[in-house]
């Protein structure tokens, strides 16, 4: 995530992962890849 231009994370990711991302998607159960 720190390497790419647009880092994104699933909604249930730990707080530290959210903090390094530019886009926060929904929980993986709801289709977070589709969100991105």
ModelCIF file with pLDDT and N, C-alpha, C, O atoms, coordinates in Angstrom:
data_MODEL
#
_entry.id   MODEL 
#
_entity.id                         1 
_entity.type                       polymer 
_entity.pdbx_number_of_molecules   1 
#
_entity_poly.entity_id                      1 
_entity_poly.type                           'polypeptide(L)' 
_entity_poly.nstd_linkage                   no 
_entity_poly.nstd_monomer                   no 
_entity_poly.pdbx_seq_one_letter_code       
;(UNK)(UNK)(UNK)(UNK)(UNK)(UNK)(UNK)(UNK)(UNK)(UNK)(UNK)(UNK)(UNK)(UNK)(UNK)(UNK)
(UNK)(UNK)(UNK)(UNK)(UNK)(UNK)(UNK)(UNK)(UNK)(UNK)(UNK)(UNK)(UNK)(UNK)(UNK)(UNK)
(UNK)(UNK)(UNK)(UNK)
;
_entity_poly.pdbx_seq_one_letter_code_can   XXXXXXXXXXXXXXXXXXXXXXXXXXXXXXXXXXXX 
_entity_poly.pdbx_strand_id                 A 
#
loop_
_entity_poly_seq.entity_id 
_entity_poly_seq.num 
_entity_poly_seq.mon_id 
_entity_poly_seq.hetero 
1 1  UNK n 
1 2  UNK n 
1 3  UNK n 
1 4  UNK n 
1 5  UNK n 
1 6  UNK n 
1 7  UNK n 
1 8  UNK n 
1 9  UNK n 
1 10 UNK n 
1 11 UNK n 
1 12 UNK n 
1 13 UNK n 
1 14 UNK n 
1 15 UNK n 
1 16 UNK n 
1 17 UNK n 
1 18 UNK n 
1 19 UNK n 
1 20 UNK n 
1 21 UNK n 
1 22 UNK n 
1 23 UNK n 
1 24 UNK n 
1 25 UNK n 
1 26 UNK n 
1 27 UNK n 
1 28 UNK n 
1 29 UNK n 
1 30 UNK n 
1 31 UNK n 
1 32 UNK n 
1 33 UNK n 
1 34 UNK n 
1 35 UNK n 
1 36 UNK n 
#
_struct_asym.id          A 
_struct_asym.entity_id   1 
#
loop_
_ma_qa_metric.id 
_ma_qa_metric.mode 
_ma_qa_metric.name 
_ma_qa_metric.software_group_id 
_ma_qa_metric.type 
1 global pLDDT . pLDDT 
2 local  pLDDT . pLDDT 
#
_ma_qa_metric_global.metric_id      1 
_ma_qa_metric_global.metric_value   96.39 
_ma_qa_metric_global.model_id       1 
_ma_qa_metric_global.ordinal_id     1 
#
loop_
_ma_qa_metric_local.label_asym_id 
_ma_qa_metric_local.label_comp_id 
_ma_qa_metric_local.label_seq_id 
_ma_qa_metric_local.metric_id 
_ma_qa_metric_local.metric_value 
_ma_qa_metric_local.model_id 
_ma_qa_metric_local.ordinal_id 
A UNK 1  2 96.00 1 1  
A UNK 2  2 95.00 1 2  
A UNK 3  2 96.00 1 3  
A UNK 4  2 97.00 1 4  
A UNK 5  2 97.00 1 5  
A UNK 6  2 97.00 1 6  
A UNK 7  2 97.00 1 7  
A UNK 8  2 98.00 1 8  
A UNK 9  2 97.00 1 9  
A UNK 10 2 97.00 1 10 
A UNK 11 2 96.00 1 11 
A UNK 12 2 96.00 1 12 
A UNK 13 2 95.00 1 13 
A UNK 14 2 94.00 1 14 
A UNK 15 2 94.00 1 15 
A UNK 16 2 93.00 1 16 
A UNK 17 2 95.00 1 17 
A UNK 18 2 95.00 1 18 
A UNK 19 2 95.00 1 19 
A UNK 20 2 94.00 1 20 
A UNK 21 2 97.00 1 21 
A UNK 22 2 96.00 1 22 
A UNK 23 2 97.00 1 23 
A UNK 24 2 97.00 1 24 
A UNK 25 2 97.00 1 25 
A UNK 26 2 97.00 1 26 
A UNK 27 2 97.00 1 27 
A UNK 28 2 97.00 1 28 
A UNK 29 2 97.00 1 29 
A UNK 30 2 97.00 1 30 
A UNK 31 2 97.00 1 31 
A UNK 32 2 98.00 1 32 
A UNK 33 2 98.00 1 33 
A UNK 34 2 98.00 1 34 
A UNK 35 2 98.00 1 35 
A UNK 36 2 98.00 1 36 
#
loop_
_atom_site.group_PDB 
_atom_site.id 
_atom_site.type_symbol 
_atom_site.label_atom_id 
_atom_site.label_alt_id 
_atom_site.label_comp_id 
_atom_site.label_asym_id 
_atom_site.label_entity_id 
_atom_site.label_seq_id 
_atom_site.pdbx_PDB_ins_code 
_atom_site.Cartn_x 
_atom_site.Cartn_y 
_atom_site.Cartn_z 
_atom_site.occupancy 
_atom_site.B_iso_or_equiv 
_atom_site.pdbx_formal_charge 
_atom_site.auth_seq_id 
_atom_site.auth_comp_id 
_atom_site.auth_asym_id 
_atom_site.auth_atom_id 
_atom_site.pdbx_PDB_model_num 
ATOM 1   N N  . UNK A 1 1  ? 0.814   -1.207 0.000  1.00 96.00 ? 1  UNK A N  1 
ATOM 2   C CA . UNK A 1 1  ? 0.000   0.000  0.000  1.00 96.00 ? 1  UNK A CA 1 
ATOM 3   C C  . UNK A 1 1  ? 0.854   1.266  0.000  1.00 96.00 ? 1  UNK A C  1 
ATOM 4   O O  . UNK A 1 1  ? 0.464   2.286  -0.568 1.00 96.00 ? 1  UNK A O  1 
ATOM 5   N N  . UNK A 1 2  ? 2.003   1.194  0.631  1.00 95.00 ? 2  UNK A N  1 
ATOM 6   C CA . UNK A 1 2  ? 2.892   2.360  0.661  1.00 95.00 ? 2  UNK A CA 1 
ATOM 7   C C  . UNK A 1 2  ? 3.637   2.552  -0.658 1.00 95.00 ? 2  UNK A C  1 
ATOM 8   O O  . UNK A 1 2  ? 4.247   3.597  -0.887 1.00 95.00 ? 2  UNK A O  1 
ATOM 9   N N  . UNK A 1 3  ? 3.583   1.539  -1.524 1.00 96.00 ? 3  UNK A N  1 
ATOM 10  C CA . UNK A 1 3  ? 4.332   1.578  -2.785 1.00 96.00 ? 3  UNK A CA 1 
ATOM 11  C C  . UNK A 1 3  ? 3.540   2.212  -3.915 1.00 96.00 ? 3  UNK A C  1 
ATOM 12  O O  . UNK A 1 3  ? 4.114   2.872  -4.781 1.00 96.00 ? 3  UNK A O  1 
ATOM 13  N N  . UNK A 1 4  ? 2.214   2.016  -3.916 1.00 97.00 ? 4  UNK A N  1 
ATOM 14  C CA . UNK A 1 4  ? 1.402   2.381  -5.082 1.00 97.00 ? 4  UNK A CA 1 
ATOM 15  C C  . UNK A 1 4  ? 0.882   3.816  -5.005 1.00 97.00 ? 4  UNK A C  1 
ATOM 16  O O  . UNK A 1 4  ? 0.952   4.465  -3.962 1.00 97.00 ? 4  UNK A O  1 
ATOM 17  N N  . UNK A 1 5  ? 0.360   4.292  -6.136 1.00 97.00 ? 5  UNK A N  1 
ATOM 18  C CA . UNK A 1 5  ? -0.154  5.656  -6.199 1.00 97.00 ? 5  UNK A CA 1 
ATOM 19  C C  . UNK A 1 5  ? -1.485  5.835  -5.510 1.00 97.00 ? 5  UNK A C  1 
ATOM 20  O O  . UNK A 1 5  ? -1.742  6.885  -4.920 1.00 97.00 ? 5  UNK A O  1 
ATOM 21  N N  . UNK A 1 6  ? -2.358  4.801  -5.575 1.00 97.00 ? 6  UNK A N  1 
ATOM 22  C CA . UNK A 1 6  ? -3.676  4.872  -4.958 1.00 97.00 ? 6  UNK A CA 1 
ATOM 23  C C  . UNK A 1 6  ? -3.863  3.668  -4.033 1.00 97.00 ? 6  UNK A C  1 
ATOM 24  O O  . UNK A 1 6  ? -4.393  2.639  -4.453 1.00 97.00 ? 6  UNK A O  1 
ATOM 25  N N  . UNK A 1 7  ? -3.426  3.794  -2.770 1.00 97.00 ? 7  UNK A N  1 
ATOM 26  C CA . UNK A 1 7  ? -3.616  2.712  -1.812 1.00 97.00 ? 7  UNK A CA 1 
ATOM 27  C C  . UNK A 1 7  ? -5.039  2.727  -1.248 1.00 97.00 ? 7  UNK A C  1 
ATOM 28  O O  . UNK A 1 7  ? -5.579  3.784  -0.919 1.00 97.00 ? 7  UNK A O  1 
ATOM 29  N N  . UNK A 1 8  ? -5.633  1.539  -1.143 1.00 98.00 ? 8  UNK A N  1 
ATOM 30  C CA . UNK A 1 8  ? -7.001  1.417  -0.637 1.00 98.00 ? 8  UNK A CA 1 
ATOM 31  C C  . UNK A 1 8  ? -7.070  0.245  0.334  1.00 98.00 ? 8  UNK A C  1 
ATOM 32  O O  . UNK A 1 8  ? -6.243  -0.666 0.282  1.00 98.00 ? 8  UNK A O  1 
ATOM 33  N N  . UNK A 1 9  ? -8.061  0.275  1.217  1.00 97.00 ? 9  UNK A N  1 
ATOM 34  C CA . UNK A 1 9  ? -8.179  -0.812 2.187  1.00 97.00 ? 9  UNK A CA 1 
ATOM 35  C C  . UNK A 1 9  ? -9.630  -1.215 2.385  1.00 97.00 ? 9  UNK A C  1 
ATOM 36  O O  . UNK A 1 9  ? -10.554 -0.428 2.178  1.00 97.00 ? 9  UNK A O  1 
ATOM 37  N N  . UNK A 1 10 ? -9.801  -2.464 2.791  1.00 97.00 ? 10 UNK A N  1 
ATOM 38  C CA . UNK A 1 10 ? -11.115 -2.966 3.169  1.00 97.00 ? 10 UNK A CA 1 
ATOM 39  C C  . UNK A 1 10 ? -11.549 -2.292 4.460  1.00 97.00 ? 10 UNK A C  1 
ATOM 40  O O  . UNK A 1 10 ? -10.720 -1.879 5.270  1.00 97.00 ? 10 UNK A O  1 
ATOM 41  N N  . UNK A 1 11 ? -12.856 -2.186 4.638  1.00 96.00 ? 11 UNK A N  1 
ATOM 42  C CA . UNK A 1 11 ? -13.379 -1.460 5.788  1.00 96.00 ? 11 UNK A CA 1 
ATOM 43  C C  . UNK A 1 11 ? -12.952 -2.000 7.127  1.00 96.00 ? 11 UNK A C  1 
ATOM 44  O O  . UNK A 1 11 ? -12.828 -1.243 8.090  1.00 96.00 ? 11 UNK A O  1 
ATOM 45  N N  . UNK A 1 12 ? -12.717 -3.333 7.211  1.00 96.00 ? 12 UNK A N  1 
ATOM 46  C CA . UNK A 1 12 ? -12.386 -3.952 8.498  1.00 96.00 ? 12 UNK A CA 1 
ATOM 47  C C  . UNK A 1 12 ? -10.888 -3.931 8.800  1.00 96.00 ? 12 UNK A C  1 
ATOM 48  O O  . UNK A 1 12 ? -10.457 -4.484 9.811  1.00 96.00 ? 12 UNK A O  1 
ATOM 49  N N  . UNK A 1 13 ? -10.087 -3.299 7.933  1.00 95.00 ? 13 UNK A N  1 
ATOM 50  C CA . UNK A 1 13 ? -8.639  -3.262 8.135  1.00 95.00 ? 13 UNK A CA 1 
ATOM 51  C C  . UNK A 1 13 ? -8.280  -2.533 9.431  1.00 95.00 ? 13 UNK A C  1 
ATOM 52  O O  . UNK A 1 13 ? -9.032  -1.664 9.872  1.00 95.00 ? 13 UNK A O  1 
ATOM 53  N N  . UNK A 1 14 ? -7.141  -2.874 10.051 1.00 94.00 ? 14 UNK A N  1 
ATOM 54  C CA . UNK A 1 14 ? -6.706  -2.172 11.262 1.00 94.00 ? 14 UNK A CA 1 
ATOM 55  C C  . UNK A 1 14 ? -6.523  -0.678 11.021 1.00 94.00 ? 14 UNK A C  1 
ATOM 56  O O  . UNK A 1 14 ? -6.310  -0.239 9.891  1.00 94.00 ? 14 UNK A O  1 
ATOM 57  N N  . UNK A 1 15 ? -6.608  0.076  12.076 1.00 94.00 ? 15 UNK A N  1 
ATOM 58  C CA . UNK A 1 15 ? -6.532  1.536  11.999 1.00 94.00 ? 15 UNK A CA 1 
ATOM 59  C C  . UNK A 1 15 ? -5.272  2.006  11.275 1.00 94.00 ? 15 UNK A C  1 
ATOM 60  O O  . UNK A 1 15 ? -5.335  2.937  10.472 1.00 94.00 ? 15 UNK A O  1 
ATOM 61  N N  . UNK A 1 16 ? -4.128  1.374  11.550 1.00 93.00 ? 16 UNK A N  1 
ATOM 62  C CA . UNK A 1 16 ? -2.869  1.795  10.932 1.00 93.00 ? 16 UNK A CA 1 
ATOM 63  C C  . UNK A 1 16 ? -2.909  1.629  9.419  1.00 93.00 ? 16 UNK A C  1 
ATOM 64  O O  . UNK A 1 16 ? -2.295  2.414  8.696  1.00 93.00 ? 16 UNK A O  1 
ATOM 65  N N  . UNK A 1 17 ? -3.619  0.625  8.934  1.00 95.00 ? 17 UNK A N  1 
ATOM 66  C CA . UNK A 1 17 ? -3.746  0.427  7.490  1.00 95.00 ? 17 UNK A CA 1 
ATOM 67  C C  . UNK A 1 17 ? -4.642  1.510  6.890  1.00 95.00 ? 17 UNK A C  1 
ATOM 68  O O  . UNK A 1 17 ? -4.347  2.041  5.820  1.00 95.00 ? 17 UNK A O  1 
ATOM 69  N N  . UNK A 1 18 ? -5.729  1.832  7.577  1.00 95.00 ? 18 UNK A N  1 
ATOM 70  C CA . UNK A 1 18 ? -6.600  2.927  7.117  1.00 95.00 ? 18 UNK A CA 1 
ATOM 71  C C  . UNK A 1 18 ? -5.809  4.234  6.987  1.00 95.00 ? 18 UNK A C  1 
ATOM 72  O O  . UNK A 1 18 ? -6.012  5.004  6.048  1.00 95.00 ? 18 UNK A O  1 
ATOM 73  N N  . UNK A 1 19 ? -4.924  4.463  7.926  1.00 95.00 ? 19 UNK A N  1 
ATOM 74  C CA . UNK A 1 19 ? -4.199  5.731  7.963  1.00 95.00 ? 19 UNK A CA 1 
ATOM 75  C C  . UNK A 1 19 ? -3.216  5.889  6.816  1.00 95.00 ? 19 UNK A C  1 
ATOM 76  O O  . UNK A 1 19 ? -2.843  7.013  6.480  1.00 95.00 ? 19 UNK A O  1 
ATOM 77  N N  . UNK A 1 20 ? -2.789  4.794  6.208  1.00 94.00 ? 20 UNK A N  1 
ATOM 78  C CA . UNK A 1 20 ? -1.848  4.894  5.086  1.00 94.00 ? 20 UNK A CA 1 
ATOM 79  C C  . UNK A 1 20 ? -2.545  4.901  3.734  1.00 94.00 ? 20 UNK A C  1 
ATOM 80  O O  . UNK A 1 20 ? -1.890  5.008  2.697  1.00 94.00 ? 20 UNK A O  1 
ATOM 81  N N  . UNK A 1 21 ? -3.890  4.785  3.740  1.00 97.00 ? 21 UNK A N  1 
ATOM 82  C CA . UNK A 1 21 ? -4.639  4.660  2.480  1.00 97.00 ? 21 UNK A CA 1 
ATOM 83  C C  . UNK A 1 21 ? -5.311  5.968  2.066  1.00 97.00 ? 21 UNK A C  1 
ATOM 84  O O  . UNK A 1 21 ? -5.680  6.785  2.909  1.00 97.00 ? 21 UNK A O  1 
ATOM 85  N N  . UNK A 1 22 ? -5.461  6.149  0.763  1.00 96.00 ? 22 UNK A N  1 
ATOM 86  C CA . UNK A 1 22 ? -6.164  7.302  0.208  1.00 96.00 ? 22 UNK A CA 1 
ATOM 87  C C  . UNK A 1 22 ? -7.646  7.007  -0.013 1.00 96.00 ? 22 UNK A C  1 
ATOM 88  O O  . UNK A 1 22 ? -8.463  7.923  -0.104 1.00 96.00 ? 22 UNK A O  1 
ATOM 89  N N  . UNK A 1 23 ? -7.982  5.721  -0.099 1.00 97.00 ? 23 UNK A N  1 
ATOM 90  C CA . UNK A 1 23 ? -9.379  5.346  -0.326 1.00 97.00 ? 23 UNK A CA 1 
ATOM 91  C C  . UNK A 1 23 ? -9.753  4.233  0.636  1.00 97.00 ? 23 UNK A C  1 
ATOM 92  O O  . UNK A 1 23 ? -9.062  3.219  0.728  1.00 97.00 ? 23 UNK A O  1 
ATOM 93  N N  . UNK A 1 24 ? -10.861 4.432  1.358  1.00 97.00 ? 24 UNK A N  1 
ATOM 94  C CA . UNK A 1 24 ? -11.355 3.440  2.313  1.00 97.00 ? 24 UNK A CA 1 
ATOM 95  C C  . UNK A 1 24 ? -12.639 2.836  1.771  1.00 97.00 ? 24 UNK A C  1 
ATOM 96  O O  . UNK A 1 24 ? -13.651 3.521  1.619  1.00 97.00 ? 24 UNK A O  1 
ATOM 97  N N  . UNK A 1 25 ? -12.583 1.549  1.484  1.00 97.00 ? 25 UNK A N  1 
ATOM 98  C CA . UNK A 1 25 ? -13.729 0.833  0.918  1.00 97.00 ? 25 UNK A CA 1 
ATOM 99  C C  . UNK A 1 25 ? -14.583 0.238  2.025  1.00 97.00 ? 25 UNK A C  1 
ATOM 100 O O  . UNK A 1 25 ? -14.283 0.386  3.210  1.00 97.00 ? 25 UNK A O  1 
ATOM 101 N N  . UNK A 1 26 ? -15.643 -0.431 1.623  1.00 97.00 ? 26 UNK A N  1 
ATOM 102 C CA . UNK A 1 26 ? -16.529 -1.077 2.588  1.00 97.00 ? 26 UNK A CA 1 
ATOM 103 C C  . UNK A 1 26 ? -15.896 -2.356 3.133  1.00 97.00 ? 26 UNK A C  1 
ATOM 104 O O  . UNK A 1 26 ? -14.796 -2.728 2.727  1.00 97.00 ? 26 UNK A O  1 
ATOM 105 N N  . UNK A 1 27 ? -16.581 -3.017 4.040  1.00 97.00 ? 27 UNK A N  1 
ATOM 106 C CA . UNK A 1 27 ? -16.143 -4.298 4.591  1.00 97.00 ? 27 UNK A CA 1 
ATOM 107 C C  . UNK A 1 27 ? -16.036 -5.317 3.462  1.00 97.00 ? 27 UNK A C  1 
ATOM 108 O O  . UNK A 1 27 ? -16.798 -5.266 2.497  1.00 97.00 ? 27 UNK A O  1 
ATOM 109 N N  . UNK A 1 28 ? -15.094 -6.233 3.587  1.00 97.00 ? 28 UNK A N  1 
ATOM 110 C CA . UNK A 1 28 ? -14.886 -7.228 2.526  1.00 97.00 ? 28 UNK A CA 1 
ATOM 111 C C  . UNK A 1 28 ? -16.139 -8.066 2.263  1.00 97.00 ? 28 UNK A C  1 
ATOM 112 O O  . UNK A 1 28 ? -16.336 -8.543 1.146  1.00 97.00 ? 28 UNK A O  1 
ATOM 113 N N  . UNK A 1 29 ? -16.975 -8.248 3.263  1.00 97.00 ? 29 UNK A N  1 
ATOM 114 C CA . UNK A 1 29 ? -18.204 -9.031 3.075  1.00 97.00 ? 29 UNK A CA 1 
ATOM 115 C C  . UNK A 1 29 ? -19.176 -8.357 2.107  1.00 97.00 ? 29 UNK A C  1 
ATOM 116 O O  . UNK A 1 29 ? -20.056 -9.005 1.541  1.00 97.00 ? 29 UNK A O  1 
ATOM 117 N N  . UNK A 1 30 ? -19.002 -7.045 1.926  1.00 97.00 ? 30 UNK A N  1 
ATOM 118 C CA . UNK A 1 30 ? -19.933 -6.285 1.079  1.00 97.00 ? 30 UNK A CA 1 
ATOM 119 C C  . UNK A 1 30 ? -19.362 -5.986 -0.311 1.00 97.00 ? 30 UNK A C  1 
ATOM 120 O O  . UNK A 1 30 ? -20.039 -5.370 -1.134 1.00 97.00 ? 30 UNK A O  1 
ATOM 121 N N  . UNK A 1 31 ? -18.122 -6.415 -0.580 1.00 97.00 ? 31 UNK A N  1 
ATOM 122 C CA . UNK A 1 31 ? -17.551 -6.199 -1.909 1.00 97.00 ? 31 UNK A CA 1 
ATOM 123 C C  . UNK A 1 31 ? -16.645 -4.995 -1.997 1.00 97.00 ? 31 UNK A C  1 
ATOM 124 O O  . UNK A 1 31 ? -16.907 -4.074 -2.770 1.00 97.00 ? 31 UNK A O  1 
ATOM 125 N N  . UNK A 1 32 ? -15.569 -4.990 -1.204 1.00 98.00 ? 32 UNK A N  1 
ATOM 126 C CA . UNK A 1 32 ? -14.703 -3.804 -1.150 1.00 98.00 ? 32 UNK A CA 1 
ATOM 127 C C  . UNK A 1 32 ? -13.931 -3.570 -2.442 1.00 98.00 ? 32 UNK A C  1 
ATOM 128 O O  . UNK A 1 32 ? -13.632 -2.424 -2.778 1.00 98.00 ? 32 UNK A O  1 
ATOM 129 N N  . UNK A 1 33 ? -13.602 -4.634 -3.176 1.00 98.00 ? 33 UNK A N  1 
ATOM 130 C CA . UNK A 1 33 ? -12.894 -4.445 -4.447 1.00 98.00 ? 33 UNK A CA 1 
ATOM 131 C C  . UNK A 1 33 ? -13.788 -3.694 -5.434 1.00 98.00 ? 33 UNK A C  1 
ATOM 132 O O  . UNK A 1 33 ? -13.318 -2.840 -6.186 1.00 98.00 ? 33 UNK A O  1 
ATOM 133 N N  . UNK A 1 34 ? -15.061 -4.017 -5.422 1.00 98.00 ? 34 UNK A N  1 
ATOM 134 C CA . UNK A 1 34 ? -16.013 -3.299 -6.281 1.00 98.00 ? 34 UNK A CA 1 
ATOM 135 C C  . UNK A 1 34 ? -16.064 -1.819 -5.919 1.00 98.00 ? 34 UNK A C  1 
ATOM 136 O O  . UNK A 1 34 ? -16.149 -0.967 -6.803 1.00 98.00 ? 34 UNK A O  1 
ATOM 137 N N  . UNK A 1 35 ? -16.013 -1.507 -4.623 1.00 98.00 ? 35 UNK A N  1 
ATOM 138 C CA . UNK A 1 35 ? -15.983 -0.102 -4.200 1.00 98.00 ? 35 UNK A CA 1 
ATOM 139 C C  . UNK A 1 35 ? -14.832 0.644  -4.873 1.00 98.00 ? 35 UNK A C  1 
ATOM 140 O O  . UNK A 1 35 ? -15.019 1.735  -5.411 1.00 98.00 ? 35 UNK A O  1 
ATOM 141 N N  . UNK A 1 36 ? -13.639 0.044  -4.837 1.00 98.00 ? 36 UNK A N  1 
ATOM 142 C CA . UNK A 1 36 ? -12.460 0.691  -5.422 1.00 98.00 ? 36 UNK A CA 1 
ATOM 143 C C  . UNK A 1 36 ? -12.606 0.832  -6.936 1.00 98.00 ? 36 UNK A C  1 
ATOM 144 O O  . UNK A 1 36 ? -11.708 1.355  -7.596 1.00 98.00 ? 36 UNK A O  1 
#
